[in-house]
Amino acid sequence: MRLGLVLLMAVTGCSTAITGTAAPGAPAPRSIPALPPPAVDPATLAQRLSAIQPGWPRPRYPVAPHAREIDCRRLKCVALTFDDGPGDETGQVLDALAQHGAKATFYIVGKMVTEKTAGLLRRMVTEGHELGNHSWDHPSLPSLSSDGLKSQLVRTQHAVGQVTGVRMRTMRPPYGATNRSVAAMTRRYGMAQIMWGLDTLDWRDRNSDLVAKRCQKAKEGDVILMHDIHASTVRAVPMLLDMLDAKGFTYVTVTELFGRLTPGQEYFHARKERTA
């Protein structure tokens, strides 16, 4: 304990006032004033402590970048969304998005959150993407009991939260299937229902060129549906980004696209009057 205290004082530059008791007839010792410790930001301090004391706690969760100021009334915004992952090739999707400075929203299936995929989820957060709830194992939610529906949403929230520290504010019902019970449960847990305005049908047609071509039909304010678990979709992403770049689109998360979202409500696309 004493060694740790000495090391901590050495790292932070702490000093204390030194005083003594003078012998009879001797001049009083001069008091040495304490010097203020140098300003050390918490991150630097943690690094120094870790260097001298192995195992010193480090931040557990990834840190997201500051929120962007995006005005989709002035910009041609489109929201790219990817369902059912993370998959084996999701990292390649993230690479392509990074090369284009594009942000997207990933709708996570809870059972896909494993030690193997945890790094991908953390990377999504640190690179400014949004995470959404896509149920635990992709059932049709209206067919479930109230307890079953609750379990699908809560287990996924917990799994993603344990890995990233993120509380997801949007969800996408599998197959787009919803009803009043689903709306009520998502409202209870503070999540809006995000549907889509453009379906690439990548789940049906495993053809990269065709998927990319369908994205050319995107309109301002569209939510585009894709799945990052299909290799053909992964190959299509660089192509469709080139195509949409040429049309001047800005890639945003669903929250950036819609702004304030109402829990339980369904959202398909954002059609807004643009300002000059």
C-alpha atoms as a PDB file:
ATOM      1  CA  MET A   1       0.000   0.000   0.000  1.00  0.00           C
ATOM      2  CA  ARG A   2       2.837   2.391   0.940  1.00  0.00           C
ATOM      3  CA  LEU A   3       4.617   1.625  -2.348  1.00  0.00           C
ATOM      4  CA  GLY A   4       1.455   2.364  -4.305  1.00  0.00           C
ATOM      5  CA  LEU A   5       1.013   5.685  -2.498  1.00  0.00           C
ATOM      6  CA  VAL A   6       4.629   6.670  -3.182  1.00  0.00           C
ATOM      7  CA  LEU A   7       4.258   5.779  -6.848  1.00  0.00           C
ATOM      8  CA  LEU A   8       1.004   7.714  -7.117  1.00  0.00           C
ATOM      9  CA  MET A   9       2.670  10.779  -5.603  1.00  0.00           C
ATOM     10  CA  ALA A  10       5.560  10.438  -8.014  1.00  0.00           C
ATOM     11  CA  VAL A  11       3.212  10.216 -11.008  1.00  0.00           C
ATOM     12  CA  THR A  12       1.032  13.185 -10.115  1.00  0.00           C
ATOM     13  CA  GLY A  13       3.899  15.348  -8.873  1.00  0.00           C
ATOM     14  CA  CYS A  14       2.319  15.763  -5.429  1.00  0.00           C
ATOM     15  CA  SER A  15       4.404  17.406  -2.690  1.00  0.00           C
ATOM     16  CA  THR A  16       3.722  18.279   0.933  1.00  0.00           C
ATOM     17  CA  ALA A  17       4.866  21.038   3.256  1.00  0.00           C
ATOM     18  CA  ILE A  18       7.905  19.997   5.302  1.00  0.00           C
ATOM     19  CA  THR A  19       8.210  21.377   8.814  1.00  0.00           C
ATOM     20  CA  GLY A  20      10.279  20.427  11.855  1.00  0.00           C
ATOM     21  CA  THR A  21      10.711  21.162  15.550  1.00  0.00           C
ATOM     22  CA  ALA A  22      13.745  23.328  16.355  1.00  0.00           C
ATOM     23  CA  ALA A  23      16.214  22.366  19.106  1.00  0.00           C
ATOM     24  CA  PRO A  24      16.414  24.753  22.066  1.00  0.00           C
ATOM     25  CA  GLY A  25      18.313  27.895  21.059  1.00  0.00           C
ATOM     26  CA  ALA A  26      18.434  26.924  17.370  1.00  0.00           C
ATOM     27  CA  PRO A  27      16.781  29.061  14.714  1.00  0.00           C
ATOM     28  CA  ALA A  28      13.326  27.895  13.685  1.00  0.00           C
ATOM     29  CA  PRO A  29      13.441  25.767  10.569  1.00  0.00           C
ATOM     30  CA  ARG A  30      12.138  27.343   7.422  1.00  0.00           C
ATOM     31  CA  SER A  31       8.799  25.981   6.246  1.00  0.00           C
ATOM     32  CA  ILE A  32       8.861  24.706   2.661  1.00  0.00           C
ATOM     33  CA  PRO A  33       5.536  25.542   1.017  1.00  0.00           C
ATOM     34  CA  ALA A  34       3.664  22.849  -0.872  1.00  0.00           C
ATOM     35  CA  LEU A  35       3.787  23.115  -4.658  1.00  0.00           C
ATOM     36  CA  PRO A  36       0.548  22.634  -6.586  1.00  0.00           C
ATOM     37  CA  PRO A  37       0.456  19.397  -8.545  1.00  0.00           C
ATOM     38  CA  PRO A  38       0.790  19.751 -12.310  1.00  0.00           C
ATOM     39  CA  ALA A  39      -2.401  19.573 -14.309  1.00  0.00           C
ATOM     40  CA  VAL A  40      -2.804  16.006 -15.507  1.00  0.00           C
ATOM     41  CA  ASP A  41      -5.862  14.954 -17.458  1.00  0.00           C
ATOM     42  CA  PRO A  42      -7.528  11.709 -16.318  1.00  0.00           C
ATOM     43  CA  ALA A  43      -6.562   9.771 -19.457  1.00  0.00           C
ATOM     44  CA  THR A  44      -2.872  10.619 -19.070  1.00  0.00           C
ATOM     45  CA  LEU A  45      -2.979   9.779 -15.382  1.00  0.00           C
ATOM     46  CA  ALA A  46      -4.569   6.407 -16.103  1.00  0.00           C
ATOM     47  CA  GLN A  47      -1.843   5.620 -18.641  1.00  0.00           C
ATOM     48  CA  ARG A  48       0.915   6.497 -16.167  1.00  0.00           C
ATOM     49  CA  LEU A  49      -0.678   4.504 -13.386  1.00  0.00           C
ATOM     50  CA  SER A  50      -1.102   1.533 -15.678  1.00  0.00           C
ATOM     51  CA  ALA A  51       2.593   1.695 -16.596  1.00  0.00           C
ATOM     52  CA  ILE A  52       3.756   1.497 -12.979  1.00  0.00           C
ATOM     53  CA  GLN A  53       0.940  -0.607 -11.584  1.00  0.00           C
ATOM     54  CA  PRO A  54      -0.093  -3.399 -13.956  1.00  0.00           C
ATOM     55  CA  GLY A  55      -3.781  -4.136 -13.942  1.00  0.00           C
ATOM     56  CA  TRP A  56      -4.825  -0.599 -13.059  1.00  0.00           C
ATOM     57  CA  PRO A  57      -8.430  -0.239 -14.243  1.00  0.00           C
ATOM     58  CA  ARG A  58      -8.879   1.143 -17.731  1.00  0.00           C
ATOM     59  CA  PRO A  59     -12.093   2.488 -19.311  1.00  0.00           C
ATOM     60  CA  ARG A  60     -14.404  -0.436 -19.977  1.00  0.00           C
ATOM     61  CA  TYR A  61     -16.661   0.871 -22.715  1.00  0.00           C
ATOM     62  CA  PRO A  62     -15.837   2.413 -26.091  1.00  0.00           C
ATOM     63  CA  VAL A  63     -16.160   6.173 -26.437  1.00  0.00           C
ATOM     64  CA  ALA A  64     -18.344   7.527 -29.223  1.00  0.00           C
ATOM     65  CA  PRO A  65     -17.316  10.680 -31.107  1.00  0.00           C
ATOM     66  CA  HIS A  66     -19.145  13.908 -30.417  1.00  0.00           C
ATOM     67  CA  ALA A  67     -22.570  14.192 -32.010  1.00  0.00           C
ATOM     68  CA  ARG A  68     -22.441  15.722 -35.470  1.00  0.00           C
ATOM     69  CA  GLU A  69     -24.379  18.802 -36.452  1.00  0.00           C
ATOM     70  CA  ILE A  70     -26.236  17.514 -39.492  1.00  0.00           C
ATOM     71  CA  ASP A  71     -29.010  19.537 -41.114  1.00  0.00           C
ATOM     72  CA  CYS A  72     -30.892  17.221 -43.451  1.00  0.00           C
ATOM     73  CA  ARG A  73     -33.044  20.142 -44.558  1.00  0.00           C
ATOM     74  CA  ARG A  74     -29.994  21.474 -46.386  1.00  0.00           C
ATOM     75  CA  LEU A  75     -28.231  18.215 -47.219  1.00  0.00           C
ATOM     76  CA  LYS A  76     -29.311  15.217 -49.283  1.00  0.00           C
ATOM     77  CA  CYS A  77     -29.454  12.726 -46.447  1.00  0.00           C
ATOM     78  CA  VAL A  78     -29.927   8.995 -46.656  1.00  0.00           C
ATOM     79  CA  ALA A  79     -29.728   6.419 -43.857  1.00  0.00           C
ATOM     80  CA  LEU A  80     -27.952   3.152 -44.618  1.00  0.00           C
ATOM     81  CA  THR A  81     -29.103   0.373 -42.301  1.00  0.00           C
ATOM     82  CA  PHE A  82     -27.789  -3.171 -41.871  1.00  0.00           C
ATOM     83  CA  ASP A  83     -29.766  -5.952 -40.194  1.00  0.00           C
ATOM     84  CA  ASP A  84     -29.139  -9.349 -38.582  1.00  0.00           C
ATOM     85  CA  GLY A  85     -25.460  -8.971 -37.660  1.00  0.00           C
ATOM     86  CA  PRO A  86     -22.807  -8.553 -36.761  1.00  0.00           C
ATOM     87  CA  GLY A  87     -21.559 -11.194 -39.174  1.00  0.00           C
ATOM     88  CA  ASP A  88     -18.218 -12.630 -40.188  1.00  0.00           C
ATOM     89  CA  GLU A  89     -17.652  -9.926 -42.809  1.00  0.00           C
ATOM     90  CA  THR A  90     -19.136  -6.927 -41.020  1.00  0.00           C
ATOM     91  CA  GLY A  91     -15.621  -5.562 -40.582  1.00  0.00           C
ATOM     92  CA  GLN A  92     -15.368  -5.127 -44.361  1.00  0.00           C
ATOM     93  CA  VAL A  93     -18.576  -3.084 -44.312  1.00  0.00           C
ATOM     94  CA  LEU A  94     -17.068  -0.858 -41.620  1.00  0.00           C
ATOM     95  CA  ASP A  95     -13.905  -0.482 -43.702  1.00  0.00           C
ATOM     96  CA  ALA A  96     -15.887   0.669 -46.740  1.00  0.00           C
ATOM     97  CA  LEU A  97     -17.974   3.090 -44.684  1.00  0.00           C
ATOM     98  CA  ALA A  98     -14.819   4.559 -43.145  1.00  0.00           C
ATOM     99  CA  GLN A  99     -13.257   5.119 -46.564  1.00  0.00           C
ATOM    100  CA  HIS A 100     -16.293   7.200 -47.555  1.00  0.00           C
ATOM    101  CA  GLY A 101     -16.755   8.976 -44.228  1.00  0.00           C
ATOM    102  CA  ALA A 102     -20.183   7.364 -44.051  1.00  0.00           C
ATOM    103  CA  LYS A 103     -22.224   6.680 -40.922  1.00  0.00           C
ATOM    104  CA  ALA A 104     -24.788   3.905 -40.754  1.00  0.00           C
ATOM    105  CA  THR A 105     -27.145   2.161 -38.349  1.00  0.00           C
ATOM    106  CA  PHE A 106     -26.707  -1.502 -37.468  1.00  0.00           C
ATOM    107  CA  TYR A 107     -29.697  -3.458 -36.186  1.00  0.00           C
ATOM    108  CA  ILE A 108     -28.252  -6.112 -33.924  1.00  0.00           C
ATOM    109  CA  VAL A 109     -29.637  -9.600 -33.305  1.00  0.00           C
ATOM    110  CA  GLY A 110     -28.907 -10.363 -29.672  1.00  0.00           C
ATOM    111  CA  LYS A 111     -27.686 -13.927 -30.117  1.00  0.00           C
ATOM    112  CA  MET A 112     -25.050 -12.637 -32.554  1.00  0.00           C
ATOM    113  CA  VAL A 113     -23.326 -10.753 -29.736  1.00  0.00           C
ATOM    114  CA  THR A 114     -20.414 -13.001 -28.773  1.00  0.00           C
ATOM    115  CA  GLU A 115     -16.808 -12.666 -27.683  1.00  0.00           C
ATOM    116  CA  LYS A 116     -15.915 -12.950 -31.360  1.00  0.00           C
ATOM    117  CA  THR A 117     -18.153 -10.076 -32.457  1.00  0.00           C
ATOM    118  CA  ALA A 118     -17.779  -7.810 -29.411  1.00  0.00           C
ATOM    119  CA  GLY A 119     -14.894  -5.959 -31.047  1.00  0.00           C
ATOM    120  CA  LEU A 120     -17.031  -5.144 -34.068  1.00  0.00           C
ATOM    121  CA  LEU A 121     -19.737  -3.633 -31.883  1.00  0.00           C
ATOM    122  CA  ARG A 122     -17.196  -1.521 -30.038  1.00  0.00           C
ATOM    123  CA  ARG A 123     -15.728  -0.399 -33.329  1.00  0.00           C
ATOM    124  CA  MET A 124     -19.181   0.667 -34.541  1.00  0.00           C
ATOM    125  CA  VAL A 125     -19.546   2.883 -31.497  1.00  0.00           C
ATOM    126  CA  THR A 126     -16.092   4.467 -31.727  1.00  0.00           C
ATOM    127  CA  GLU A 127     -16.557   5.181 -35.442  1.00  0.00           C
ATOM    128  CA  GLY A 128     -19.841   6.999 -34.896  1.00  0.00           C
ATOM    129  CA  HIS A 129     -22.362   4.437 -36.128  1.00  0.00           C
ATOM    130  CA  GLU A 130     -25.678   3.820 -34.399  1.00  0.00           C
ATOM    131  CA  LEU A 131     -26.778   0.527 -32.870  1.00  0.00           C
ATOM    132  CA  GLY A 132     -30.389  -0.623 -32.862  1.00  0.00           C
ATOM    133  CA  ASN A 133     -32.331  -3.545 -31.409  1.00  0.00           C
ATOM    134  CA  HIS A 134     -33.396  -6.278 -33.840  1.00  0.00           C
ATOM    135  CA  SER A 135     -34.669  -8.847 -31.307  1.00  0.00           C
ATOM    136  CA  TRP A 136     -32.829 -11.780 -29.758  1.00  0.00           C
ATOM    137  CA  ASP A 137     -33.260 -14.441 -32.436  1.00  0.00           C
ATOM    138  CA  HIS A 138     -35.358 -12.833 -35.187  1.00  0.00           C
ATOM    139  CA  PRO A 139     -38.907 -14.147 -34.634  1.00  0.00           C
ATOM    140  CA  SER A 140     -42.056 -12.477 -35.869  1.00  0.00           C
ATOM    141  CA  LEU A 141     -42.800 -10.341 -32.838  1.00  0.00           C
ATOM    142  CA  PRO A 142     -46.622 -10.125 -33.198  1.00  0.00           C
ATOM    143  CA  SER A 143     -46.806 -13.920 -32.763  1.00  0.00           C
ATOM    144  CA  LEU A 144     -45.262 -13.790 -29.288  1.00  0.00           C
ATOM    145  CA  SER A 145     -46.806 -13.521 -25.851  1.00  0.00           C
ATOM    146  CA  SER A 146     -46.198 -10.381 -23.849  1.00  0.00           C
ATOM    147  CA  ASP A 147     -43.447 -12.100 -21.863  1.00  0.00           C
ATOM    148  CA  GLY A 148     -41.871 -13.494 -25.020  1.00  0.00           C
ATOM    149  CA  LEU A 149     -41.877 -10.098 -26.696  1.00  0.00           C
ATOM    150  CA  LYS A 150     -40.359  -8.471 -23.630  1.00  0.00           C
ATOM    151  CA  SER A 151     -37.625 -11.111 -23.508  1.00  0.00           C
ATOM    152  CA  GLN A 152     -36.691 -10.555 -27.163  1.00  0.00           C
ATOM    153  CA  LEU A 153     -36.137  -6.858 -26.609  1.00  0.00           C
ATOM    154  CA  VAL A 154     -34.681  -6.830 -23.105  1.00  0.00           C
ATOM    155  CA  ARG A 155     -32.173  -9.638 -23.668  1.00  0.00           C
ATOM    156  CA  THR A 156     -30.820  -7.851 -26.724  1.00  0.00           C
ATOM    157  CA  GLN A 157     -30.616  -4.534 -24.914  1.00  0.00           C
ATOM    158  CA  HIS A 158     -28.682  -6.232 -22.142  1.00  0.00           C
ATOM    159  CA  ALA A 159     -26.295  -8.102 -24.460  1.00  0.00           C
ATOM    160  CA  VAL A 160     -25.369  -4.989 -26.428  1.00  0.00           C
ATOM    161  CA  GLY A 161     -25.191  -2.866 -23.286  1.00  0.00           C
ATOM    162  CA  GLN A 162     -22.810  -5.280 -21.605  1.00  0.00           C
ATOM    163  CA  VAL A 163     -20.374  -5.013 -24.516  1.00  0.00           C
ATOM    164  CA  THR A 164     -20.688  -1.352 -25.480  1.00  0.00           C
ATOM    165  CA  GLY A 165     -22.429   0.525 -22.679  1.00  0.00           C
ATOM    166  CA  VAL A 166     -24.972   1.704 -25.271  1.00  0.00           C
ATOM    167  CA  ARG A 167     -28.680   1.865 -24.562  1.00  0.00           C
ATOM    168  CA  MET A 168     -30.338   1.485 -27.948  1.00  0.00           C
ATOM    169  CA  ARG A 169     -33.092   3.986 -28.684  1.00  0.00           C
ATOM    170  CA  THR A 170     -34.427   2.458 -31.894  1.00  0.00           C
ATOM    171  CA  MET A 171     -35.482  -1.023 -32.942  1.00  0.00           C
ATOM    172  CA  ARG A 172     -36.464  -2.755 -36.130  1.00  0.00           C
ATOM    173  CA  PRO A 173     -39.053  -5.511 -35.902  1.00  0.00           C
ATOM    174  CA  PRO A 174     -37.936  -8.608 -37.843  1.00  0.00           C
ATOM    175  CA  TYR A 175     -39.642  -8.825 -41.246  1.00  0.00           C
ATOM    176  CA  GLY A 176     -41.130  -5.391 -40.514  1.00  0.00           C
ATOM    177  CA  ALA A 177     -43.912  -7.212 -38.640  1.00  0.00           C
ATOM    178  CA  THR A 178     -45.500  -5.148 -35.907  1.00  0.00           C
ATOM    179  CA  ASN A 179     -48.821  -4.541 -34.179  1.00  0.00           C
ATOM    180  CA  ARG A 180     -50.242  -2.682 -31.213  1.00  0.00           C
ATOM    181  CA  SER A 181     -48.559  -5.000 -28.722  1.00  0.00           C
ATOM    182  CA  VAL A 182     -45.160  -4.439 -30.316  1.00  0.00           C
ATOM    183  CA  ALA A 183     -45.766  -0.699 -30.391  1.00  0.00           C
ATOM    184  CA  ALA A 184     -46.741  -0.706 -26.723  1.00  0.00           C
ATOM    185  CA  MET A 185     -43.707  -2.749 -25.661  1.00  0.00           C
ATOM    186  CA  THR A 186     -41.259  -0.633 -27.636  1.00  0.00           C
ATOM    187  CA  ARG A 187     -42.856   2.480 -26.195  1.00  0.00           C
ATOM    188  CA  ARG A 188     -42.426   1.012 -22.708  1.00  0.00           C
ATOM    189  CA  TYR A 189     -38.703   0.511 -23.306  1.00  0.00           C
ATOM    190  CA  GLY A 190     -38.114   3.823 -25.039  1.00  0.00           C
ATOM    191  CA  MET A 191     -37.476   2.633 -28.589  1.00  0.00           C
ATOM    192  CA  ALA A 192     -38.885   3.934 -31.857  1.00  0.00           C
ATOM    193  CA  GLN A 193     -39.705   1.432 -34.612  1.00  0.00           C
ATOM    194  CA  ILE A 194     -37.544   2.065 -37.686  1.00  0.00           C
ATOM    195  CA  MET A 195     -38.808   0.516 -40.908  1.00  0.00           C
ATOM    196  CA  TRP A 196     -37.463   1.409 -44.369  1.00  0.00           C
ATOM    197  CA  GLY A 197     -38.247   3.315 -47.517  1.00  0.00           C
ATOM    198  CA  LEU A 198     -36.004   1.345 -49.895  1.00  0.00           C
ATOM    199  CA  ASP A 199     -35.562  -2.425 -49.698  1.00  0.00           C
ATOM    200  CA  THR A 200     -32.535  -3.655 -51.659  1.00  0.00           C
ATOM    201  CA  LEU A 201     -33.918  -7.239 -51.479  1.00  0.00           C
ATOM    202  CA  ASP A 202     -30.369  -8.383 -50.799  1.00  0.00           C
ATOM    203  CA  TRP A 203     -31.747 -11.206 -48.662  1.00  0.00           C
ATOM    204  CA  ARG A 204     -33.480 -12.624 -51.741  1.00  0.00           C
ATOM    205  CA  ASP A 205     -31.131 -11.739 -54.579  1.00  0.00           C
ATOM    206  CA  ARG A 206     -27.528 -12.498 -53.598  1.00  0.00           C
ATOM    207  CA  ASN A 207     -26.210 -10.397 -56.463  1.00  0.00           C
ATOM    208  CA  SER A 208     -23.846  -7.545 -55.579  1.00  0.00           C
ATOM    209  CA  ASP A 209     -24.342  -5.606 -58.816  1.00  0.00           C
ATOM    210  CA  LEU A 210     -28.111  -5.814 -58.514  1.00  0.00           C
ATOM    211  CA  VAL A 211     -28.099  -4.684 -54.886  1.00  0.00           C
ATOM    212  CA  ALA A 212     -25.884  -1.705 -55.699  1.00  0.00           C
ATOM    213  CA  LYS A 213     -28.044  -0.817 -58.708  1.00  0.00           C
ATOM    214  CA  ARG A 214     -31.193  -0.796 -56.586  1.00  0.00           C
ATOM    215  CA  CYS A 215     -29.564   1.720 -54.267  1.00  0.00           C
ATOM    216  CA  GLN A 216     -29.377   4.145 -57.192  1.00  0.00           C
ATOM    217  CA  LYS A 217     -33.132   4.582 -56.740  1.00  0.00           C
ATOM    218  CA  ALA A 218     -32.578   6.124 -53.320  1.00  0.00           C
ATOM    219  CA  LYS A 219     -34.338   9.405 -52.684  1.00  0.00           C
ATOM    220  CA  GLU A 220     -33.541  12.091 -50.195  1.00  0.00           C
ATOM    221  CA  GLY A 221     -34.710  11.012 -46.744  1.00  0.00           C
ATOM    222  CA  ASP A 222     -34.793   7.291 -47.520  1.00  0.00           C
ATOM    223  CA  VAL A 223     -33.950   4.566 -45.048  1.00  0.00           C
ATOM    224  CA  ILE A 224     -32.174   1.829 -47.029  1.00  0.00           C
ATOM    225  CA  LEU A 225     -32.471  -1.772 -45.849  1.00  0.00           C
ATOM    226  CA  MET A 226     -29.543  -4.195 -46.196  1.00  0.00           C
ATOM    227  CA  HIS A 227     -28.065  -7.154 -44.305  1.00  0.00           C
ATOM    228  CA  ASP A 228     -24.400  -7.330 -43.345  1.00  0.00           C
ATOM    229  CA  ILE A 229     -24.546 -11.121 -42.931  1.00  0.00           C
ATOM    230  CA  HIS A 230     -24.558 -11.705 -46.711  1.00  0.00           C
ATOM    231  CA  ALA A 231     -21.210 -11.740 -48.534  1.00  0.00           C
ATOM    232  CA  SER A 232     -22.897 -10.408 -51.675  1.00  0.00           C
ATOM    233  CA  THR A 233     -24.112  -7.358 -49.758  1.00  0.00           C
ATOM    234  CA  VAL A 234     -20.673  -6.788 -48.273  1.00  0.00           C
ATOM    235  CA  ARG A 235     -19.223  -6.726 -51.800  1.00  0.00           C
ATOM    236  CA  ALA A 236     -21.973  -4.352 -52.931  1.00  0.00           C
ATOM    237  CA  VAL A 237     -21.299  -1.694 -50.299  1.00  0.00           C
ATOM    238  CA  PRO A 238     -18.237  -0.062 -51.946  1.00  0.00           C
ATOM    239  CA  MET A 239     -20.089   0.067 -55.285  1.00  0.00           C
ATOM    240  CA  LEU A 240     -23.287   1.579 -53.895  1.00  0.00           C
ATOM    241  CA  LEU A 241     -21.308   4.147 -51.925  1.00  0.00           C
ATOM    242  CA  ASP A 242     -19.548   5.253 -55.117  1.00  0.00           C
ATOM    243  CA  MET A 243     -22.915   5.545 -56.849  1.00  0.00           C
ATOM    244  CA  LEU A 244     -24.531   7.521 -54.046  1.00  0.00           C
ATOM    245  CA  ASP A 245     -21.435   9.721 -53.687  1.00  0.00           C
ATOM    246  CA  ALA A 246     -21.869  10.727 -57.315  1.00  0.00           C
ATOM    247  CA  LYS A 247     -25.402  11.862 -56.503  1.00  0.00           C
ATOM    248  CA  GLY A 248     -24.251  13.995 -53.603  1.00  0.00           C
ATOM    249  CA  PHE A 249     -25.799  12.071 -50.734  1.00  0.00           C
ATOM    250  CA  THR A 250     -24.774  12.493 -47.103  1.00  0.00           C
ATOM    251  CA  TYR A 251     -24.861   9.288 -45.055  1.00  0.00           C
ATOM    252  CA  VAL A 252     -26.455   9.654 -41.639  1.00  0.00           C
ATOM    253  CA  THR A 253     -27.738   7.482 -38.821  1.00  0.00           C
ATOM    254  CA  VAL A 254     -31.482   7.072 -38.412  1.00  0.00           C
ATOM    255  CA  THR A 255     -31.482   9.389 -35.410  1.00  0.00           C
ATOM    256  CA  GLU A 256     -29.636  12.042 -37.405  1.00  0.00           C
ATOM    257  CA  LEU A 257     -32.125  11.593 -40.242  1.00  0.00           C
ATOM    258  CA  PHE A 258     -35.317  11.879 -38.199  1.00  0.00           C
ATOM    259  CA  GLY A 259     -34.187  13.992 -35.284  1.00  0.00           C
ATOM    260  CA  ARG A 260     -36.371  13.515 -32.232  1.00  0.00           C
ATOM    261  CA  LEU A 261     -38.002  10.086 -32.311  1.00  0.00           C
ATOM    262  CA  THR A 262     -41.162   9.043 -30.476  1.00  0.00           C
ATOM    263  CA  PRO A 263     -40.910   5.644 -28.744  1.00  0.00           C
ATOM    264  CA  GLY A 264     -43.287   3.093 -30.225  1.00  0.00           C
ATOM    265  CA  GLN A 265     -43.930   5.081 -33.400  1.00  0.00           C
ATOM    266  CA  GLU A 266     -43.080   3.673 -36.850  1.00  0.00           C
ATOM    267  CA  TYR A 267     -40.731   5.540 -39.204  1.00  0.00           C
ATOM    268  CA  PHE A 268     -40.228   4.736 -42.886  1.00  0.00           C
ATOM    269  CA  HIS A 269     -38.592   7.756 -44.500  1.00  0.00           C
ATOM    270  CA  ALA A 270     -38.004  11.426 -43.823  1.00  0.00           C
ATOM    271  CA  ARG A 271     -39.587  13.729 -46.356  1.00  0.00           C
ATOM    272  CA  LYS A 272     -38.765  17.286 -45.365  1.00  0.00           C
ATOM    273  CA  GLU A 273     -38.914  20.594 -47.098  1.00  0.00           C
ATOM    274  CA  ARG A 274     -35.354  21.653 -47.803  1.00  0.00           C
ATOM    275  CA  THR A 275     -34.198  25.123 -46.911  1.00  0.00           C
ATOM    276  CA  ALA A 276     -32.075  27.217 -49.232  1.00  0.00           C
END
